[in-house]
């Protein structure tokens, strides 16, 4: 028998890595992720600056 999970019980890990050339596209991705979120996300990001 399959286990049924509620959407809110699963946390999805997400990692963003970007530098100054992708700061705007990364912010669009963050915004879209939050606006359309129907689950819990654990978001980590690194910024290379260069």
C-alpha atoms as a PDB file:
ATOM      1  CA  UNK A   1       0.000   0.000   0.000  1.00  0.00           C
ATOM      2  CA  UNK A   2       1.355   3.411  -0.957  1.00  0.00           C
ATOM      3  CA  UNK A   3       1.996   5.978   1.728  1.00  0.00           C
ATOM      4  CA  UNK A   4       0.206   9.273   1.202  1.00  0.00           C
ATOM      5  CA  UNK A   5       2.152  12.416   2.022  1.00  0.00           C
ATOM      6  CA  UNK A   6       0.764  15.862   2.495  1.00  0.00           C
ATOM      7  CA  UNK A   7       2.575  18.445   0.379  1.00  0.00           C
ATOM      8  CA  UNK A   8       3.554  20.509   3.420  1.00  0.00           C
ATOM      9  CA  UNK A   9       5.421  17.599   5.055  1.00  0.00           C
ATOM     10  CA  UNK A  10       8.166  17.375   2.431  1.00  0.00           C
ATOM     11  CA  UNK A  11      11.028  19.891   2.463  1.00  0.00           C
ATOM     12  CA  UNK A  12      12.835  20.308  -0.843  1.00  0.00           C
ATOM     13  CA  UNK A  13      16.475  21.461  -0.676  1.00  0.00           C
ATOM     14  CA  UNK A  14      17.505  23.993  -3.335  1.00  0.00           C
ATOM     15  CA  UNK A  15      20.963  25.464  -3.970  1.00  0.00           C
ATOM     16  CA  UNK A  16      21.650  28.603  -6.001  1.00  0.00           C
ATOM     17  CA  UNK A  17      25.192  29.533  -7.076  1.00  0.00           C
ATOM     18  CA  UNK A  18      25.750  32.683  -9.091  1.00  0.00           C
ATOM     19  CA  UNK A  19      28.033  35.680  -9.640  1.00  0.00           C
ATOM     20  CA  UNK A  20      27.338  39.336 -10.430  1.00  0.00           C
ATOM     21  CA  UNK A  21      26.470  38.506 -14.039  1.00  0.00           C
ATOM     22  CA  UNK A  22      23.511  36.391 -12.889  1.00  0.00           C
ATOM     23  CA  UNK A  23      22.273  38.466  -9.932  1.00  0.00           C
ATOM     24  CA  UNK A  24      19.113  39.643 -11.739  1.00  0.00           C
ATOM     25  CA  UNK A  25      18.195  36.221 -13.183  1.00  0.00           C
ATOM     26  CA  UNK A  26      18.796  34.691  -9.738  1.00  0.00           C
ATOM     27  CA  UNK A  27      16.448  37.229  -8.135  1.00  0.00           C
ATOM     28  CA  UNK A  28      13.776  36.358 -10.718  1.00  0.00           C
ATOM     29  CA  UNK A  29      14.226  32.665  -9.893  1.00  0.00           C
ATOM     30  CA  UNK A  30      13.918  33.391  -6.135  1.00  0.00           C
ATOM     31  CA  UNK A  31      10.780  35.451  -6.700  1.00  0.00           C
ATOM     32  CA  UNK A  32       9.173  32.800  -8.908  1.00  0.00           C
ATOM     33  CA  UNK A  33      10.008  30.060  -6.417  1.00  0.00           C
ATOM     34  CA  UNK A  34       8.404  31.966  -3.539  1.00  0.00           C
ATOM     35  CA  UNK A  35       5.374  33.157  -5.503  1.00  0.00           C
ATOM     36  CA  UNK A  36       4.533  29.654  -6.726  1.00  0.00           C
ATOM     37  CA  UNK A  37       5.537  27.727  -3.608  1.00  0.00           C
ATOM     38  CA  UNK A  38       3.149  25.023  -2.532  1.00  0.00           C
ATOM     39  CA  UNK A  39       5.730  23.162  -0.424  1.00  0.00           C
ATOM     40  CA  UNK A  40       8.472  23.930   2.046  1.00  0.00           C
ATOM     41  CA  UNK A  41      11.852  24.759   0.543  1.00  0.00           C
ATOM     42  CA  UNK A  42      15.238  24.966   2.210  1.00  0.00           C
ATOM     43  CA  UNK A  43      17.113  27.487   0.065  1.00  0.00           C
ATOM     44  CA  UNK A  44      20.876  28.061   0.220  1.00  0.00           C
ATOM     45  CA  UNK A  45      22.754  30.406  -2.043  1.00  0.00           C
ATOM     46  CA  UNK A  46      26.315  31.443  -2.745  1.00  0.00           C
ATOM     47  CA  UNK A  47      27.393  34.620  -4.466  1.00  0.00           C
ATOM     48  CA  UNK A  48      30.777  34.718  -6.171  1.00  0.00           C
ATOM     49  CA  UNK A  49      30.902  38.492  -6.651  1.00  0.00           C
ATOM     50  CA  UNK A  50      33.392  38.321  -9.513  1.00  0.00           C
END
